[in-house]
Amino acid sequence: MKVLRASAIVLLILIGPVSWGQEKSYTDNMMVNPSGKEDIKVVTNYIDALMGHKMDIAADLLSDSYVGSGPSFGETETKAEYINFWKEAHAVRSNQNKDFVSHSFRVVDGNLKGDWVSIWGTYTFTQNTIEVNLPYPLTAMVTNGKIARSNIYYDKLAINTAMGYELTIQKTIEPYLKA
């Protein structure tokens, strides 16, 4: 009897999420963005402005309430912080270039509802005579002709290693002494 009861519980655990808790499928929650070409142009103009050191144009393409996320989980930046980051980067980087492909889509409901542009690209630059290749995915929400939010991901450790930094791990027994 115990085996039958345990089997029934396992079966409900496995089948339950499939039959009762299904999320919407990709085709139910997403569609072609009717303003995709215009939104891609906004993001492309923004990236071109960043690469061309045209920070006024780049800032104008971000909404005043812009929030950028990434590259690490939990990292966010405001419009002012992001523009300042790029101004500082331009002061120490040269030979900046980009290569990317883009796609646009619309999310029809949920927390990510809106029109999005997805970029898959490579950013290259020289800093301290070192050439750095930075592959990245960037996804940006475009609202009223401006980038309202974005998410970017890239390997920060690979960049630091390419620049000559080394990762060192300092082991300490201190946390174990508190037990």
C-alpha atoms as a PDB file:
ATOM      1  CA  MET A   1       0.000   0.000   0.000  1.00  0.00           C
ATOM      2  CA  LYS A   2       2.837   2.387   0.836  1.00  0.00           C
ATOM      3  CA  VAL A   3       4.431   1.722  -2.584  1.00  0.00           C
ATOM      4  CA  LEU A   4       1.159   2.528  -4.354  1.00  0.00           C
ATOM      5  CA  ARG A   5       0.695   5.767  -2.391  1.00  0.00           C
ATOM      6  CA  ALA A   6       4.302   6.828  -3.064  1.00  0.00           C
ATOM      7  CA  SER A   7       3.898   6.014  -6.759  1.00  0.00           C
ATOM      8  CA  ALA A   8       0.724   8.087  -6.946  1.00  0.00           C
ATOM      9  CA  ILE A   9       2.469  11.068  -5.318  1.00  0.00           C
ATOM     10  CA  VAL A  10       5.418  10.815  -7.718  1.00  0.00           C
ATOM     11  CA  LEU A  11       3.028  10.593 -10.661  1.00  0.00           C
ATOM     12  CA  LEU A  12       1.161  13.728  -9.527  1.00  0.00           C
ATOM     13  CA  ILE A  13       4.437  15.596  -9.049  1.00  0.00           C
ATOM     14  CA  LEU A  14       5.528  14.707 -12.575  1.00  0.00           C
ATOM     15  CA  ILE A  15       2.203  15.177 -14.361  1.00  0.00           C
ATOM     16  CA  GLY A  16       0.831  18.071 -12.301  1.00  0.00           C
ATOM     17  CA  PRO A  17       3.031  20.815 -13.720  1.00  0.00           C
ATOM     18  CA  VAL A  18       2.431  19.557 -17.247  1.00  0.00           C
ATOM     19  CA  SER A  19      -1.348  19.461 -17.057  1.00  0.00           C
ATOM     20  CA  TRP A  20      -2.246  22.161 -14.520  1.00  0.00           C
ATOM     21  CA  GLY A  21       0.589  24.680 -14.490  1.00  0.00           C
ATOM     22  CA  GLN A  22       1.472  25.094 -18.141  1.00  0.00           C
ATOM     23  CA  GLU A  23       2.768  28.485 -19.137  1.00  0.00           C
ATOM     24  CA  LYS A  24       1.792  30.056 -22.420  1.00  0.00           C
ATOM     25  CA  SER A  25       3.716  28.796 -25.391  1.00  0.00           C
ATOM     26  CA  TYR A  26       6.071  30.977 -27.400  1.00  0.00           C
ATOM     27  CA  THR A  27       3.449  31.543 -30.100  1.00  0.00           C
ATOM     28  CA  ASP A  28       0.781  32.495 -27.537  1.00  0.00           C
ATOM     29  CA  ASN A  29       2.917  35.164 -25.891  1.00  0.00           C
ATOM     30  CA  MET A  30       4.933  36.587 -28.794  1.00  0.00           C
ATOM     31  CA  MET A  31       4.286  37.927 -32.257  1.00  0.00           C
ATOM     32  CA  VAL A  32       5.983  39.859 -35.024  1.00  0.00           C
ATOM     33  CA  ASN A  33       6.582  43.460 -33.983  1.00  0.00           C
ATOM     34  CA  PRO A  34       4.634  45.674 -36.427  1.00  0.00           C
ATOM     35  CA  SER A  35       7.063  48.545 -35.741  1.00  0.00           C
ATOM     36  CA  GLY A  36      10.097  46.243 -35.866  1.00  0.00           C
ATOM     37  CA  LYS A  37      11.985  48.093 -38.616  1.00  0.00           C
ATOM     38  CA  GLU A  38      11.638  51.422 -36.806  1.00  0.00           C
ATOM     39  CA  ASP A  39      12.594  49.904 -33.449  1.00  0.00           C
ATOM     40  CA  ILE A  40      15.655  48.202 -34.950  1.00  0.00           C
ATOM     41  CA  LYS A  41      16.641  51.590 -36.422  1.00  0.00           C
ATOM     42  CA  VAL A  42      16.417  53.181 -32.936  1.00  0.00           C
ATOM     43  CA  VAL A  43      18.725  50.550 -31.422  1.00  0.00           C
ATOM     44  CA  THR A  44      21.082  50.627 -34.434  1.00  0.00           C
ATOM     45  CA  ASN A  45      21.310  54.436 -34.237  1.00  0.00           C
ATOM     46  CA  TYR A  46      22.004  54.131 -30.526  1.00  0.00           C
ATOM     47  CA  ILE A  47      24.857  51.644 -31.039  1.00  0.00           C
ATOM     48  CA  ASP A  48      26.266  53.794 -33.879  1.00  0.00           C
ATOM     49  CA  ALA A  49      26.166  56.841 -31.581  1.00  0.00           C
ATOM     50  CA  LEU A  50      28.017  54.938 -28.852  1.00  0.00           C
ATOM     51  CA  MET A  51      30.709  53.787 -31.281  1.00  0.00           C
ATOM     52  CA  GLY A  52      30.992  57.276 -32.790  1.00  0.00           C
ATOM     53  CA  HIS A  53      31.430  58.991 -29.401  1.00  0.00           C
ATOM     54  CA  LYS A  54      28.185  60.928 -30.016  1.00  0.00           C
ATOM     55  CA  MET A  55      26.976  60.769 -26.459  1.00  0.00           C
ATOM     56  CA  ASP A  56      24.283  63.455 -26.873  1.00  0.00           C
ATOM     57  CA  ILE A  57      22.625  61.381 -29.601  1.00  0.00           C
ATOM     58  CA  ALA A  58      22.990  58.170 -27.562  1.00  0.00           C
ATOM     59  CA  ALA A  59      21.456  59.864 -24.508  1.00  0.00           C
ATOM     60  CA  ASP A  60      18.573  61.197 -26.598  1.00  0.00           C
ATOM     61  CA  LEU A  61      17.750  57.646 -27.743  1.00  0.00           C
ATOM     62  CA  LEU A  62      17.334  56.467 -24.129  1.00  0.00           C
ATOM     63  CA  SER A  63      14.129  57.268 -22.259  1.00  0.00           C
ATOM     64  CA  ASP A  64      14.517  59.385 -19.125  1.00  0.00           C
ATOM     65  CA  SER A  65      13.444  56.397 -17.023  1.00  0.00           C
ATOM     66  CA  TYR A  66      15.840  53.999 -18.803  1.00  0.00           C
ATOM     67  CA  VAL A  67      17.148  51.060 -16.779  1.00  0.00           C
ATOM     68  CA  GLY A  68      19.931  48.860 -18.126  1.00  0.00           C
ATOM     69  CA  SER A  69      20.523  45.408 -16.664  1.00  0.00           C
ATOM     70  CA  GLY A  70      23.627  43.267 -16.791  1.00  0.00           C
ATOM     71  CA  PRO A  71      26.068  41.935 -17.557  1.00  0.00           C
ATOM     72  CA  SER A  72      25.784  40.179 -14.197  1.00  0.00           C
ATOM     73  CA  PHE A  73      22.571  39.245 -12.430  1.00  0.00           C
ATOM     74  CA  GLY A  74      21.268  42.120 -10.338  1.00  0.00           C
ATOM     75  CA  GLU A  75      23.432  44.815 -11.928  1.00  0.00           C
ATOM     76  CA  THR A  76      21.438  47.827 -13.117  1.00  0.00           C
ATOM     77  CA  GLU A  77      22.257  51.302 -14.404  1.00  0.00           C
ATOM     78  CA  THR A  78      20.268  54.458 -14.946  1.00  0.00           C
ATOM     79  CA  LYS A  79      20.504  56.565 -18.086  1.00  0.00           C
ATOM     80  CA  ALA A  80      23.003  58.967 -16.485  1.00  0.00           C
ATOM     81  CA  GLU A  81      25.171  56.124 -15.142  1.00  0.00           C
ATOM     82  CA  TYR A  82      25.222  54.364 -18.506  1.00  0.00           C
ATOM     83  CA  ILE A  83      26.145  57.483 -20.485  1.00  0.00           C
ATOM     84  CA  ASN A  84      28.877  58.273 -17.947  1.00  0.00           C
ATOM     85  CA  PHE A  85      30.244  54.715 -18.291  1.00  0.00           C
ATOM     86  CA  TRP A  86      30.597  55.173 -22.056  1.00  0.00           C
ATOM     87  CA  LYS A  87      32.224  58.601 -21.692  1.00  0.00           C
ATOM     88  CA  GLU A  88      34.833  57.026 -19.399  1.00  0.00           C
ATOM     89  CA  ALA A  89      35.295  54.087 -21.772  1.00  0.00           C
ATOM     90  CA  HIS A  90      35.910  56.410 -24.724  1.00  0.00           C
ATOM     91  CA  ALA A  91      38.679  58.119 -22.758  1.00  0.00           C
ATOM     92  CA  VAL A  92      40.730  54.886 -22.567  1.00  0.00           C
ATOM     93  CA  ARG A  93      39.610  52.851 -25.598  1.00  0.00           C
ATOM     94  CA  SER A  94      40.454  53.168 -29.265  1.00  0.00           C
ATOM     95  CA  ASN A  95      39.655  51.253 -32.462  1.00  0.00           C
ATOM     96  CA  GLN A  96      36.107  50.609 -31.258  1.00  0.00           C
ATOM     97  CA  ASN A  97      34.017  48.642 -33.705  1.00  0.00           C
ATOM     98  CA  LYS A  98      30.893  46.549 -33.780  1.00  0.00           C
ATOM     99  CA  ASP A  99      29.329  43.812 -35.849  1.00  0.00           C
ATOM    100  CA  PHE A 100      25.850  42.501 -35.139  1.00  0.00           C
ATOM    101  CA  VAL A 101      22.600  41.086 -36.408  1.00  0.00           C
ATOM    102  CA  SER A 102      19.203  42.115 -35.088  1.00  0.00           C
ATOM    103  CA  HIS A 103      15.651  40.899 -34.796  1.00  0.00           C
ATOM    104  CA  SER A 104      12.482  42.433 -33.382  1.00  0.00           C
ATOM    105  CA  PHE A 105       9.480  40.888 -31.671  1.00  0.00           C
ATOM    106  CA  ARG A 106       6.499  41.861 -29.530  1.00  0.00           C
ATOM    107  CA  VAL A 107       5.651  40.283 -26.177  1.00  0.00           C
ATOM    108  CA  VAL A 108       1.868  40.495 -25.787  1.00  0.00           C
ATOM    109  CA  ASP A 109       1.484  40.198 -22.003  1.00  0.00           C
ATOM    110  CA  GLY A 110       3.282  39.649 -18.735  1.00  0.00           C
ATOM    111  CA  ASN A 111       6.177  41.485 -17.115  1.00  0.00           C
ATOM    112  CA  LEU A 112       8.034  41.755 -20.424  1.00  0.00           C
ATOM    113  CA  LYS A 113       5.086  43.094 -22.430  1.00  0.00           C
ATOM    114  CA  GLY A 114       6.265  45.441 -25.176  1.00  0.00           C
ATOM    115  CA  ASP A 115       8.269  45.775 -28.365  1.00  0.00           C
ATOM    116  CA  TRP A 116      11.799  44.388 -28.212  1.00  0.00           C
ATOM    117  CA  VAL A 117      14.916  44.399 -30.367  1.00  0.00           C
ATOM    118  CA  SER A 118      17.395  41.578 -29.931  1.00  0.00           C
ATOM    119  CA  ILE A 119      21.022  42.103 -30.961  1.00  0.00           C
ATOM    120  CA  TRP A 120      23.639  39.384 -31.243  1.00  0.00           C
ATOM    121  CA  GLY A 121      27.016  40.910 -31.862  1.00  0.00           C
ATOM    122  CA  THR A 122      30.684  41.465 -31.198  1.00  0.00           C
ATOM    123  CA  TYR A 123      32.209  44.668 -29.848  1.00  0.00           C
ATOM    124  CA  THR A 124      35.952  45.105 -30.328  1.00  0.00           C
ATOM    125  CA  PHE A 125      38.248  47.755 -28.908  1.00  0.00           C
ATOM    126  CA  THR A 126      41.838  48.431 -27.977  1.00  0.00           C
ATOM    127  CA  GLN A 127      42.761  49.416 -24.444  1.00  0.00           C
ATOM    128  CA  ASN A 128      46.322  49.657 -23.121  1.00  0.00           C
ATOM    129  CA  THR A 129      47.548  48.275 -26.489  1.00  0.00           C
ATOM    130  CA  ILE A 130      45.436  45.132 -25.976  1.00  0.00           C
ATOM    131  CA  GLU A 131      42.754  44.242 -28.524  1.00  0.00           C
ATOM    132  CA  VAL A 132      39.625  42.917 -26.876  1.00  0.00           C
ATOM    133  CA  ASN A 133      36.798  40.957 -28.531  1.00  0.00           C
ATOM    134  CA  LEU A 134      33.533  41.062 -26.631  1.00  0.00           C
ATOM    135  CA  PRO A 135      30.727  38.822 -27.912  1.00  0.00           C
ATOM    136  CA  TYR A 136      27.373  39.813 -26.435  1.00  0.00           C
ATOM    137  CA  PRO A 137      23.606  39.488 -26.682  1.00  0.00           C
ATOM    138  CA  LEU A 138      21.638  42.689 -26.049  1.00  0.00           C
ATOM    139  CA  THR A 139      17.875  42.903 -25.818  1.00  0.00           C
ATOM    140  CA  ALA A 140      16.264  46.345 -25.685  1.00  0.00           C
ATOM    141  CA  MET A 141      12.658  47.400 -25.167  1.00  0.00           C
ATOM    142  CA  VAL A 142      11.707  50.315 -27.419  1.00  0.00           C
ATOM    143  CA  THR A 143       8.808  52.538 -26.383  1.00  0.00           C
ATOM    144  CA  ASN A 144       7.791  55.727 -28.205  1.00  0.00           C
ATOM    145  CA  GLY A 145      10.981  55.744 -30.263  1.00  0.00           C
ATOM    146  CA  LYS A 146      13.318  55.448 -27.261  1.00  0.00           C
ATOM    147  CA  ILE A 147      15.039  52.593 -25.469  1.00  0.00           C
ATOM    148  CA  ALA A 148      13.172  52.132 -22.186  1.00  0.00           C
ATOM    149  CA  ARG A 149      15.192  49.233 -20.816  1.00  0.00           C
ATOM    150  CA  SER A 150      17.836  46.781 -21.915  1.00  0.00           C
ATOM    151  CA  ASN A 151      19.570  43.589 -20.854  1.00  0.00           C
ATOM    152  CA  ILE A 152      23.120  42.755 -21.876  1.00  0.00           C
ATOM    153  CA  TYR A 153      25.223  39.743 -21.009  1.00  0.00           C
ATOM    154  CA  TYR A 154      28.917  39.115 -21.536  1.00  0.00           C
ATOM    155  CA  ASP A 155      31.807  37.372 -19.837  1.00  0.00           C
ATOM    156  CA  LYS A 156      33.460  39.962 -17.582  1.00  0.00           C
ATOM    157  CA  LEU A 157      36.184  37.537 -16.515  1.00  0.00           C
ATOM    158  CA  ALA A 158      37.209  36.909 -20.146  1.00  0.00           C
ATOM    159  CA  ILE A 159      37.558  40.670 -20.698  1.00  0.00           C
ATOM    160  CA  ASN A 160      39.669  41.122 -17.565  1.00  0.00           C
ATOM    161  CA  THR A 161      41.829  38.121 -18.461  1.00  0.00           C
ATOM    162  CA  ALA A 162      42.372  39.505 -21.993  1.00  0.00           C
ATOM    163  CA  MET A 163      43.453  42.795 -20.394  1.00  0.00           C
ATOM    164  CA  GLY A 164      46.111  40.947 -18.406  1.00  0.00           C
ATOM    165  CA  TYR A 165      44.415  40.670 -15.037  1.00  0.00           C
ATOM    166  CA  GLU A 166      44.562  37.406 -13.110  1.00  0.00           C
ATOM    167  CA  LEU A 167      41.890  35.876 -10.937  1.00  0.00           C
ATOM    168  CA  THR A 168      43.218  34.948  -7.548  1.00  0.00           C
ATOM    169  CA  ILE A 169      41.253  33.225  -4.873  1.00  0.00           C
ATOM    170  CA  GLN A 170      42.151  34.025  -1.323  1.00  0.00           C
ATOM    171  CA  LYS A 171      41.165  31.214   0.936  1.00  0.00           C
ATOM    172  CA  THR A 172      40.599  31.962   4.555  1.00  0.00           C
ATOM    173  CA  ILE A 173      39.476  29.800   7.411  1.00  0.00           C
ATOM    174  CA  GLU A 174      37.774  32.695   9.184  1.00  0.00           C
ATOM    175  CA  PRO A 175      34.196  31.797   8.089  1.00  0.00           C
ATOM    176  CA  TYR A 176      34.720  28.256   9.298  1.00  0.00           C
ATOM    177  CA  LEU A 177      35.918  29.395  12.731  1.00  0.00           C
ATOM    178  CA  LYS A 178      32.560  31.069  13.401  1.00  0.00           C
ATOM    179  CA  ALA A 179      30.696  27.767  13.292  1.00  0.00           C
END
